[in-house]
Amino acid sequence: MAEEPRSNPGEYVTVEIYDQLYHLSGEDQRHIRDLAAYVDAKMRAVAAQGKTADSLRVAVLAALNLADELSQAKSADPREGRVRTTSLRVLLDEVLDGERKTGA
């Protein structure tokens, strides 16, 4: 299967996470979309198990779940864990910044 071409770092991709649109930039748009889908799924799983509708709380709980996964991955393969940690940390920072800006 042919690999999707990498985008220019200045180009944006629009993703939806937990019913919010985010315009993110990065080198690999497919990777960004995959990460966004993964975060969205984690947030929805947390929301389905909890009693809170507060999206910031859902995001923090999802982040804790992701941090636990990363911690386990780091002990299995440190190089892969560092790459995933960096990618998810950047994405989480952008999500939380968006939450702070919108007050949601």
PDB file of N, CA and C in Angstrom:
ATOM      1  N   MET A   1       0.849  -1.172   0.000  1.00  0.00           N
ATOM      2  CA  MET A   1       0.000   0.000   0.000  1.00  0.00           C
ATOM      3  C   MET A   1       0.891   1.230   0.000  1.00  0.00           C
ATOM      4  N   ALA A   2       0.574   2.200  -0.836  1.00  0.00           N
ATOM      5  CA  ALA A   2       1.375   3.414  -0.939  1.00  0.00           C
ATOM      6  C   ALA A   2       1.184   4.268   0.305  1.00  0.00           C
ATOM      7  N   GLU A   3       2.281   4.851   0.755  1.00  0.00           N
ATOM      8  CA  GLU A   3       2.232   5.701   1.937  1.00  0.00           C
ATOM      9  C   GLU A   3       1.698   7.076   1.547  1.00  0.00           C
ATOM     10  N   GLU A   4       0.824   7.633   2.395  1.00  0.00           N
ATOM     11  CA  GLU A   4       0.286   8.967   2.144  1.00  0.00           C
ATOM     12  C   GLU A   4       1.436   9.966   2.232  1.00  0.00           C
ATOM     13  N   PRO A   5       1.518  10.899   1.278  1.00  0.00           N
ATOM     14  CA  PRO A   5       2.628  11.851   1.318  1.00  0.00           C
ATOM     15  C   PRO A   5       2.557  12.697   2.576  1.00  0.00           C
ATOM     16  N   ARG A   6       3.727  13.030   3.091  1.00  0.00           N
ATOM     17  CA  ARG A   6       3.795  13.889   4.269  1.00  0.00           C
ATOM     18  C   ARG A   6       3.482  15.313   3.845  1.00  0.00           C
ATOM     19  N   SER A   7       2.808  16.023   4.728  1.00  0.00           N
ATOM     20  CA  SER A   7       2.439  17.394   4.423  1.00  0.00           C
ATOM     21  C   SER A   7       3.544  18.342   4.866  1.00  0.00           C
ATOM     22  N   ASN A   8       3.434  19.583   4.434  1.00  0.00           N
ATOM     23  CA  ASN A   8       4.368  20.598   4.888  1.00  0.00           C
ATOM     24  C   ASN A   8       4.036  20.951   6.324  1.00  0.00           C
ATOM     25  N   PRO A   9       5.045  21.235   7.159  1.00  0.00           N
ATOM     26  CA  PRO A   9       4.786  21.545   8.548  1.00  0.00           C
ATOM     27  C   PRO A   9       3.834  22.722   8.744  1.00  0.00           C
ATOM     28  N   GLY A  10       3.721  23.635   7.791  1.00  0.00           N
ATOM     29  CA  GLY A  10       2.839  24.782   7.921  1.00  0.00           C
ATOM     30  C   GLY A  10       1.394  24.491   7.557  1.00  0.00           C
ATOM     31  N   GLU A  11       1.111  23.323   7.003  1.00  0.00           N
ATOM     32  CA  GLU A  11      -0.249  22.981   6.605  1.00  0.00           C
ATOM     33  C   GLU A  11      -1.031  22.448   7.794  1.00  0.00           C
ATOM     34  N   TYR A  12      -2.329  22.762   7.802  1.00  0.00           N
ATOM     35  CA  TYR A  12      -3.183  22.339   8.897  1.00  0.00           C
ATOM     36  C   TYR A  12      -4.087  21.204   8.472  1.00  0.00           C
ATOM     37  N   VAL A  13      -4.446  20.388   9.435  1.00  0.00           N
ATOM     38  CA  VAL A  13      -5.443  19.350   9.245  1.00  0.00           C
ATOM     39  C   VAL A  13      -6.508  19.597  10.309  1.00  0.00           C
ATOM     40  N   THR A  14      -7.763  19.469   9.923  1.00  0.00           N
ATOM     41  CA  THR A  14      -8.860  19.662  10.867  1.00  0.00           C
ATOM     42  C   THR A  14      -9.305  18.298  11.360  1.00  0.00           C
ATOM     43  N   VAL A  15      -9.347  18.163  12.676  1.00  0.00           N
ATOM     44  CA  VAL A  15      -9.779  16.920  13.298  1.00  0.00           C
ATOM     45  C   VAL A  15     -10.885  17.235  14.297  1.00  0.00           C
ATOM     46  N   GLU A  16     -11.657  16.222  14.614  1.00  0.00           N
ATOM     47  CA  GLU A  16     -12.707  16.380  15.611  1.00  0.00           C
ATOM     48  C   GLU A  16     -12.406  15.460  16.783  1.00  0.00           C
ATOM     49  N   ILE A  17     -12.360  16.067  17.959  1.00  0.00           N
ATOM     50  CA  ILE A  17     -12.123  15.316  19.184  1.00  0.00           C
ATOM     51  C   ILE A  17     -13.216  15.700  20.164  1.00  0.00           C
ATOM     52  N   TYR A  18     -13.992  14.719  20.557  1.00  0.00           N
ATOM     53  CA  TYR A  18     -15.046  14.906  21.547  1.00  0.00           C
ATOM     54  C   TYR A  18     -15.953  16.065  21.157  1.00  0.00           C
ATOM     55  N   ASP A  19     -16.390  16.020  19.901  1.00  0.00           N
ATOM     56  CA  ASP A  19     -17.333  16.977  19.321  1.00  0.00           C
ATOM     57  C   ASP A  19     -16.785  18.398  19.180  1.00  0.00           C
ATOM     58  N   GLN A  20     -15.484  18.551  19.204  1.00  0.00           N
ATOM     59  CA  GLN A  20     -14.856  19.855  19.002  1.00  0.00           C
ATOM     60  C   GLN A  20     -13.894  19.755  17.828  1.00  0.00           C
ATOM     61  N   LEU A  21     -13.883  20.797  17.002  1.00  0.00           N
ATOM     62  CA  LEU A  21     -12.959  20.827  15.872  1.00  0.00           C
ATOM     63  C   LEU A  21     -11.653  21.494  16.285  1.00  0.00           C
ATOM     64  N   TYR A  22     -10.554  20.920  15.823  1.00  0.00           N
ATOM     65  CA  TYR A  22      -9.220  21.461  16.095  1.00  0.00           C
ATOM     66  C   TYR A  22      -8.461  21.526  14.778  1.00  0.00           C
ATOM     67  N   HIS A  23      -7.752  22.608  14.578  1.00  0.00           N
ATOM     68  CA  HIS A  23      -6.914  22.790  13.402  1.00  0.00           C
ATOM     69  C   HIS A  23      -5.469  22.612  13.863  1.00  0.00           C
ATOM     70  N   LEU A  24      -4.884  21.496  13.474  1.00  0.00           N
ATOM     71  CA  LEU A  24      -3.556  21.131  13.941  1.00  0.00           C
ATOM     72  C   LEU A  24      -2.586  21.110  12.769  1.00  0.00           C
ATOM     73  N   SER A  25      -1.348  21.410  13.058  1.00  0.00           N
ATOM     74  CA  SER A  25      -0.338  21.323  12.011  1.00  0.00           C
ATOM     75  C   SER A  25       0.681  20.272  12.411  1.00  0.00           C
ATOM     76  N   GLY A  26       1.279  19.704  11.421  1.00  0.00           N
ATOM     77  CA  GLY A  26       2.290  18.690  11.678  1.00  0.00           C
ATOM     78  C   GLY A  26       2.830  18.149  10.378  1.00  0.00           C
ATOM     79  N   GLU A  27       3.814  17.317  10.531  1.00  0.00           N
ATOM     80  CA  GLU A  27       4.498  16.784   9.368  1.00  0.00           C
ATOM     81  C   GLU A  27       3.703  15.684   8.666  1.00  0.00           C
ATOM     82  N   ASP A  28       2.923  14.929   9.427  1.00  0.00           N
ATOM     83  CA  ASP A  28       2.232  13.766   8.879  1.00  0.00           C
ATOM     84  C   ASP A  28       0.744  13.854   9.231  1.00  0.00           C
ATOM     85  N   GLN A  29      -0.067  14.303   8.290  1.00  0.00           N
ATOM     86  CA  GLN A  29      -1.488  14.511   8.544  1.00  0.00           C
ATOM     87  C   GLN A  29      -2.211  13.215   8.901  1.00  0.00           C
ATOM     88  N   ARG A  30      -1.846  12.133   8.282  1.00  0.00           N
ATOM     89  CA  ARG A  30      -2.483  10.847   8.609  1.00  0.00           C
ATOM     90  C   ARG A  30      -2.214  10.482  10.067  1.00  0.00           C
ATOM     91  N   HIS A  31      -1.003  10.697  10.519  1.00  0.00           N
ATOM     92  CA  HIS A  31      -0.642  10.399  11.902  1.00  0.00           C
ATOM     93  C   HIS A  31      -1.448  11.279  12.867  1.00  0.00           C
ATOM     94  N   ILE A  32      -1.591  12.549  12.522  1.00  0.00           N
ATOM     95  CA  ILE A  32      -2.373  13.470  13.351  1.00  0.00           C
ATOM     96  C   ILE A  32      -3.826  13.001  13.419  1.00  0.00           C
ATOM     97  N   ARG A  33      -4.380  12.617  12.287  1.00  0.00           N
ATOM     98  CA  ARG A  33      -5.768  12.116  12.268  1.00  0.00           C
ATOM     99  C   ARG A  33      -5.904  10.857  13.124  1.00  0.00           C
ATOM    100  N   ASP A  34      -4.935   9.964  13.008  1.00  0.00           N
ATOM    101  CA  ASP A  34      -4.966   8.731  13.800  1.00  0.00           C
ATOM    102  C   ASP A  34      -4.889   9.037  15.297  1.00  0.00           C
ATOM    103  N   LEU A  35      -4.011   9.956  15.675  1.00  0.00           N
ATOM    104  CA  LEU A  35      -3.900  10.331  17.081  1.00  0.00           C
ATOM    105  C   LEU A  35      -5.183  10.971  17.580  1.00  0.00           C
ATOM    106  N   ALA A  36      -5.754  11.844  16.770  1.00  0.00           N
ATOM    107  CA  ALA A  36      -6.997  12.506  17.160  1.00  0.00           C
ATOM    108  C   ALA A  36      -8.122  11.490  17.343  1.00  0.00           C
ATOM    109  N   ALA A  37      -8.203  10.529  16.461  1.00  0.00           N
ATOM    110  CA  ALA A  37      -9.228   9.486  16.575  1.00  0.00           C
ATOM    111  C   ALA A  37      -9.012   8.663  17.844  1.00  0.00           C
ATOM    112  N   TYR A  38      -7.771   8.403  18.163  1.00  0.00           N
ATOM    113  CA  TYR A  38      -7.445   7.634  19.357  1.00  0.00           C
ATOM    114  C   TYR A  38      -7.821   8.409  20.621  1.00  0.00           C
ATOM    115  N   VAL A  39      -7.486   9.684  20.662  1.00  0.00           N
ATOM    116  CA  VAL A  39      -7.838  10.519  21.808  1.00  0.00           C
ATOM    117  C   VAL A  39      -9.354  10.636  21.928  1.00  0.00           C
ATOM    118  N   ASP A  40     -10.030  10.827  20.806  1.00  0.00           N
ATOM    119  CA  ASP A  40     -11.484  10.910  20.810  1.00  0.00           C
ATOM    120  C   ASP A  40     -12.086   9.629  21.393  1.00  0.00           C
ATOM    121  N   ALA A  41     -11.590   8.494  20.965  1.00  0.00           N
ATOM    122  CA  ALA A  41     -12.098   7.214  21.464  1.00  0.00           C
ATOM    123  C   ALA A  41     -11.854   7.081  22.965  1.00  0.00           C
ATOM    124  N   LYS A  42     -10.687   7.495  23.424  1.00  0.00           N
ATOM    125  CA  LYS A  42     -10.381   7.432  24.859  1.00  0.00           C
ATOM    126  C   LYS A  42     -11.317   8.339  25.647  1.00  0.00           C
ATOM    127  N   MET A  43     -11.542   9.544  25.150  1.00  0.00           N
ATOM    128  CA  MET A  43     -12.419  10.474  25.848  1.00  0.00           C
ATOM    129  C   MET A  43     -13.841   9.933  25.907  1.00  0.00           C
ATOM    130  N   ARG A  44     -14.301   9.357  24.823  1.00  0.00           N
ATOM    131  CA  ARG A  44     -15.662   8.812  24.798  1.00  0.00           C
ATOM    132  C   ARG A  44     -15.786   7.606  25.729  1.00  0.00           C
ATOM    133  N   ALA A  45     -14.748   6.802  25.813  1.00  0.00           N
ATOM    134  CA  ALA A  45     -14.771   5.659  26.727  1.00  0.00           C
ATOM    135  C   ALA A  45     -14.817   6.136  28.181  1.00  0.00           C
ATOM    136  N   VAL A  46     -14.041   7.161  28.498  1.00  0.00           N
ATOM    137  CA  VAL A  46     -14.052   7.725  29.849  1.00  0.00           C
ATOM    138  C   VAL A  46     -15.423   8.313  30.158  1.00  0.00           C
ATOM    139  N   ALA A  47     -15.974   9.064  29.224  1.00  0.00           N
ATOM    140  CA  ALA A  47     -17.280   9.690  29.432  1.00  0.00           C
ATOM    141  C   ALA A  47     -18.376   8.644  29.621  1.00  0.00           C
ATOM    142  N   ALA A  48     -18.281   7.540  28.896  1.00  0.00           N
ATOM    143  CA  ALA A  48     -19.289   6.489  28.997  1.00  0.00           C
ATOM    144  C   ALA A  48     -19.258   5.807  30.363  1.00  0.00           C
ATOM    145  N   GLN A  49     -18.084   5.778  30.990  1.00  0.00           N
ATOM    146  CA  GLN A  49     -17.940   5.121  32.289  1.00  0.00           C
ATOM    147  C   GLN A  49     -18.212   6.061  33.452  1.00  0.00           C
ATOM    148  N   GLY A  50     -18.091   7.372  33.203  1.00  0.00           N
ATOM    149  CA  GLY A  50     -18.217   8.323  34.293  1.00  0.00           C
ATOM    150  C   GLY A  50     -19.564   8.987  34.352  1.00  0.00           C
ATOM    151  N   LYS A  51     -19.670   9.883  35.324  1.00  0.00           N
ATOM    152  CA  LYS A  51     -20.920  10.605  35.518  1.00  0.00           C
ATOM    153  C   LYS A  51     -20.773  12.077  35.202  1.00  0.00           C
ATOM    154  N   THR A  52     -19.625  12.472  34.686  1.00  0.00           N
ATOM    155  CA  THR A  52     -19.404  13.878  34.397  1.00  0.00           C
ATOM    156  C   THR A  52     -19.552  14.162  32.914  1.00  0.00           C
ATOM    157  N   ALA A  53     -20.135  15.302  32.596  1.00  0.00           N
ATOM    158  CA  ALA A  53     -20.238  15.747  31.215  1.00  0.00           C
ATOM    159  C   ALA A  53     -19.215  16.850  30.943  1.00  0.00           C
ATOM    160  N   ASP A  54     -18.466  17.222  31.962  1.00  0.00           N
ATOM    161  CA  ASP A  54     -17.464  18.279  31.848  1.00  0.00           C
ATOM    162  C   ASP A  54     -16.315  17.791  30.966  1.00  0.00           C
ATOM    163  N   SER A  55     -16.185  18.391  29.805  1.00  0.00           N
ATOM    164  CA  SER A  55     -15.195  17.903  28.840  1.00  0.00           C
ATOM    165  C   SER A  55     -13.765  18.051  29.334  1.00  0.00           C
ATOM    166  N   LEU A  56     -13.474  19.038  30.155  1.00  0.00           N
ATOM    167  CA  LEU A  56     -12.117  19.175  30.686  1.00  0.00           C
ATOM    168  C   LEU A  56     -11.799  18.010  31.621  1.00  0.00           C
ATOM    169  N   ARG A  57     -12.733  17.640  32.465  1.00  0.00           N
ATOM    170  CA  ARG A  57     -12.514  16.493  33.352  1.00  0.00           C
ATOM    171  C   ARG A  57     -12.365  15.209  32.546  1.00  0.00           C
ATOM    172  N   VAL A  58     -13.185  15.066  31.520  1.00  0.00           N
ATOM    173  CA  VAL A  58     -13.076  13.890  30.661  1.00  0.00           C
ATOM    174  C   VAL A  58     -11.700  13.864  30.005  1.00  0.00           C
ATOM    175  N   ALA A  59     -11.222  15.017  29.544  1.00  0.00           N
ATOM    176  CA  ALA A  59      -9.907  15.090  28.898  1.00  0.00           C
ATOM    177  C   ALA A  59      -8.794  14.705  29.872  1.00  0.00           C
ATOM    178  N   VAL A  60      -8.883  15.187  31.100  1.00  0.00           N
ATOM    179  CA  VAL A  60      -7.848  14.869  32.086  1.00  0.00           C
ATOM    180  C   VAL A  60      -7.856  13.380  32.416  1.00  0.00           C
ATOM    181  N   LEU A  61      -9.039  12.806  32.602  1.00  0.00           N
ATOM    182  CA  LEU A  61      -9.116  11.373  32.878  1.00  0.00           C
ATOM    183  C   LEU A  61      -8.614  10.548  31.691  1.00  0.00           C
ATOM    184  N   ALA A  62      -8.941  10.987  30.489  1.00  0.00           N
ATOM    185  CA  ALA A  62      -8.426  10.298  29.296  1.00  0.00           C
ATOM    186  C   ALA A  62      -6.907  10.417  29.237  1.00  0.00           C
ATOM    187  N   ALA A  63      -6.390  11.594  29.598  1.00  0.00           N
ATOM    188  CA  ALA A  63      -4.934  11.797  29.615  1.00  0.00           C
ATOM    189  C   ALA A  63      -4.270  10.851  30.611  1.00  0.00           C
ATOM    190  N   LEU A  64      -4.883  10.650  31.753  1.00  0.00           N
ATOM    191  CA  LEU A  64      -4.336   9.709  32.730  1.00  0.00           C
ATOM    192  C   LEU A  64      -4.317   8.291  32.172  1.00  0.00           C
ATOM    193  N   ASN A  65      -5.379   7.913  31.476  1.00  0.00           N
ATOM    194  CA  ASN A  65      -5.398   6.591  30.842  1.00  0.00           C
ATOM    195  C   ASN A  65      -4.301   6.461  29.795  1.00  0.00           C
ATOM    196  N   LEU A  66      -4.127   7.510  28.998  1.00  0.00           N
ATOM    197  CA  LEU A  66      -3.086   7.491  27.968  1.00  0.00           C
ATOM    198  C   LEU A  66      -1.699   7.463  28.609  1.00  0.00           C
ATOM    199  N   ALA A  67      -1.526   8.202  29.693  1.00  0.00           N
ATOM    200  CA  ALA A  67      -0.235   8.204  30.392  1.00  0.00           C
ATOM    201  C   ALA A  67       0.086   6.812  30.921  1.00  0.00           C
ATOM    202  N   ASP A  68      -0.927   6.119  31.421  1.00  0.00           N
ATOM    203  CA  ASP A  68      -0.719   4.755  31.896  1.00  0.00           C
ATOM    204  C   ASP A  68      -0.298   3.847  30.741  1.00  0.00           C
ATOM    205  N   GLU A  69      -0.968   3.970  29.606  1.00  0.00           N
ATOM    206  CA  GLU A  69      -0.586   3.178  28.432  1.00  0.00           C
ATOM    207  C   GLU A  69       0.846   3.477  28.016  1.00  0.00           C
ATOM    208  N   LEU A  70       1.208   4.750  28.021  1.00  0.00           N
ATOM    209  CA  LEU A  70       2.561   5.134  27.628  1.00  0.00           C
ATOM    210  C   LEU A  70       3.591   4.606  28.603  1.00  0.00           C
ATOM    211  N   SER A  71       3.264   4.644  29.863  1.00  0.00           N
ATOM    212  CA  SER A  71       4.172   4.122  30.877  1.00  0.00           C
ATOM    213  C   SER A  71       4.444   2.639  30.633  1.00  0.00           C
ATOM    214  N   GLN A  72       3.391   1.915  30.311  1.00  0.00           N
ATOM    215  CA  GLN A  72       3.560   0.495  30.017  1.00  0.00           C
ATOM    216  C   GLN A  72       4.342   0.285  28.724  1.00  0.00           C
ATOM    217  N   ALA A  73       4.078   1.118  27.728  1.00  0.00           N
ATOM    218  CA  ALA A  73       4.785   0.993  26.445  1.00  0.00           C
ATOM    219  C   ALA A  73       6.267   1.334  26.607  1.00  0.00           C
ATOM    220  N   LYS A  74       6.569   2.316  27.433  1.00  0.00           N
ATOM    221  CA  LYS A  74       7.963   2.709  27.636  1.00  0.00           C
ATOM    222  C   LYS A  74       8.774   1.574  28.235  1.00  0.00           C
ATOM    223  N   SER A  75       8.168   0.826  29.118  1.00  0.00           N
ATOM    224  CA  SER A  75       8.912  -0.274  29.716  1.00  0.00           C
ATOM    225  C   SER A  75       9.121  -1.410  28.720  1.00  0.00           C
ATOM    226  N   ALA A  76       8.263  -1.494  27.692  1.00  0.00           N
ATOM    227  CA  ALA A  76       8.415  -2.527  26.670  1.00  0.00           C
ATOM    228  C   ALA A  76       9.452  -2.133  25.618  1.00  0.00           C
ATOM    229  N   ASP A  77       9.386  -0.922  25.120  1.00  0.00           N
ATOM    230  CA  ASP A  77      10.314  -0.422  24.095  1.00  0.00           C
ATOM    231  C   ASP A  77      10.512   1.065  24.327  1.00  0.00           C
ATOM    232  N   PRO A  78      11.591   1.452  24.988  1.00  0.00           N
ATOM    233  CA  PRO A  78      11.793   2.861  25.356  1.00  0.00           C
ATOM    234  C   PRO A  78      11.748   3.834  24.183  1.00  0.00           C
ATOM    235  N   ARG A  79      12.281   3.453  23.034  1.00  0.00           N
ATOM    236  CA  ARG A  79      12.276   4.381  21.895  1.00  0.00           C
ATOM    237  C   ARG A  79      10.864   4.653  21.403  1.00  0.00           C
ATOM    238  N   GLU A  80      10.075   3.617  21.258  1.00  0.00           N
ATOM    239  CA  GLU A  80       8.701   3.795  20.795  1.00  0.00           C
ATOM    240  C   GLU A  80       7.891   4.590  21.823  1.00  0.00           C
ATOM    241  N   GLY A  81       8.118   4.326  23.083  1.00  0.00           N
ATOM    242  CA  GLY A  81       7.410   5.043  24.137  1.00  0.00           C
ATOM    243  C   GLY A  81       7.697   6.534  24.111  1.00  0.00           C
ATOM    244  N   ARG A  82       8.943   6.913  23.865  1.00  0.00           N
ATOM    245  CA  ARG A  82       9.300   8.338  23.807  1.00  0.00           C
ATOM    246  C   ARG A  82       8.610   9.029  22.639  1.00  0.00           C
ATOM    247  N   VAL A  83       8.566   8.383  21.502  1.00  0.00           N
ATOM    248  CA  VAL A  83       7.912   8.966  20.324  1.00  0.00           C
ATOM    249  C   VAL A  83       6.424   9.134  20.590  1.00  0.00           C
ATOM    250  N   ARG A  84       5.784   8.106  21.109  1.00  0.00           N
ATOM    251  CA  ARG A  84       4.351   8.195  21.405  1.00  0.00           C
ATOM    252  C   ARG A  84       4.084   9.232  22.489  1.00  0.00           C
ATOM    253  N   THR A  85       4.941   9.297  23.495  1.00  0.00           N
ATOM    254  CA  THR A  85       4.767  10.273  24.563  1.00  0.00           C
ATOM    255  C   THR A  85       4.794  11.684  24.004  1.00  0.00           C
ATOM    256  N   THR A  86       5.756  11.971  23.173  1.00  0.00           N
ATOM    257  CA  THR A  86       5.877  13.303  22.589  1.00  0.00           C
ATOM    258  C   THR A  86       4.660  13.643  21.734  1.00  0.00           C
ATOM    259  N   SER A  87       4.252  12.732  20.875  1.00  0.00           N
ATOM    260  CA  SER A  87       3.100  12.982  20.002  1.00  0.00           C
ATOM    261  C   SER A  87       1.833  13.234  20.804  1.00  0.00           C
ATOM    262  N   LEU A  88       1.580  12.394  21.783  1.00  0.00           N
ATOM    263  CA  LEU A  88       0.359  12.543  22.563  1.00  0.00           C
ATOM    264  C   LEU A  88       0.409  13.760  23.483  1.00  0.00           C
ATOM    265  N   ARG A  89       1.594  14.083  23.994  1.00  0.00           N
ATOM    266  CA  ARG A  89       1.716  15.270  24.854  1.00  0.00           C
ATOM    267  C   ARG A  89       1.397  16.527  24.063  1.00  0.00           C
ATOM    268  N   VAL A  90       1.905  16.639  22.853  1.00  0.00           N
ATOM    269  CA  VAL A  90       1.633  17.807  22.014  1.00  0.00           C
ATOM    270  C   VAL A  90       0.142  17.891  21.701  1.00  0.00           C
ATOM    271  N   LEU A  91      -0.444  16.769  21.337  1.00  0.00           N
ATOM    272  CA  LEU A  91      -1.863  16.764  21.019  1.00  0.00           C
ATOM    273  C   LEU A  91      -2.706  17.116  22.243  1.00  0.00           C
ATOM    274  N   LEU A  92      -2.378  16.570  23.399  1.00  0.00           N
ATOM    275  CA  LEU A  92      -3.122  16.875  24.613  1.00  0.00           C
ATOM    276  C   LEU A  92      -2.986  18.345  24.983  1.00  0.00           C
ATOM    277  N   ASP A  93      -1.783  18.903  24.841  1.00  0.00           N
ATOM    278  CA  ASP A  93      -1.589  20.327  25.119  1.00  0.00           C
ATOM    279  C   ASP A  93      -2.497  21.177  24.240  1.00  0.00           C
ATOM    280  N   GLU A  94      -2.606  20.821  22.968  1.00  0.00           N
ATOM    281  CA  GLU A  94      -3.458  21.589  22.057  1.00  0.00           C
ATOM    282  C   GLU A  94      -4.928  21.458  22.439  1.00  0.00           C
ATOM    283  N   VAL A  95      -5.341  20.265  22.830  1.00  0.00           N
ATOM    284  CA  VAL A  95      -6.729  20.068  23.238  1.00  0.00           C
ATOM    285  C   VAL A  95      -7.034  20.886  24.483  1.00  0.00           C
ATOM    286  N   LEU A  96      -6.169  20.821  25.480  1.00  0.00           N
ATOM    287  CA  LEU A  96      -6.405  21.549  26.712  1.00  0.00           C
ATOM    288  C   LEU A  96      -6.335  23.054  26.494  1.00  0.00           C
ATOM    289  N   ASP A  97      -5.442  23.516  25.632  1.00  0.00           N
ATOM    290  CA  ASP A  97      -5.392  24.946  25.307  1.00  0.00           C
ATOM    291  C   ASP A  97      -6.706  25.386  24.666  1.00  0.00           C
ATOM    292  N   GLY A  98      -7.237  24.558  23.776  1.00  0.00           N
ATOM    293  CA  GLY A  98      -8.515  24.871  23.146  1.00  0.00           C
ATOM    294  C   GLY A  98      -9.630  24.931  24.165  1.00  0.00           C
ATOM    295  N   GLU A  99      -9.605  24.026  25.138  1.00  0.00           N
ATOM    296  CA  GLU A  99     -10.615  24.028  26.198  1.00  0.00           C
ATOM    297  C   GLU A  99     -10.519  25.319  27.004  1.00  0.00           C
ATOM    298  N   ARG A 100      -9.315  25.735  27.311  1.00  0.00           N
ATOM    299  CA  ARG A 100      -9.132  26.955  28.105  1.00  0.00           C
ATOM    300  C   ARG A 100      -9.613  28.188  27.345  1.00  0.00           C
ATOM    301  N   LYS A 101      -9.351  28.212  26.030  1.00  0.00           N
ATOM    302  CA  LYS A 101      -9.735  29.364  25.222  1.00  0.00           C
ATOM    303  C   LYS A 101     -11.242  29.466  25.059  1.00  0.00           C
ATOM    304  N   THR A 102     -11.909  28.331  24.914  1.00  0.00           N
ATOM    305  CA  THR A 102     -13.357  28.359  24.709  1.00  0.00           C
ATOM    306  C   THR A 102     -14.126  28.356  26.021  1.00  0.00           C
ATOM    307  N   GLY A 103     -13.437  28.016  27.113  1.00  0.00           N
ATOM    308  CA  GLY A 103     -14.100  27.960  28.404  1.00  0.00           C
ATOM    309  C   GLY A 103     -15.033  26.788  28.550  1.00  0.00           C
ATOM    310  N   ALA A 104     -14.897  25.807  27.650  1.00  0.00           N
ATOM    311  CA  ALA A 104     -15.796  24.639  27.688  1.00  0.00           C
ATOM    312  C   ALA A 104     -15.338  23.650  28.732  1.00  0.00           C
TER     313      ALA A 104
END
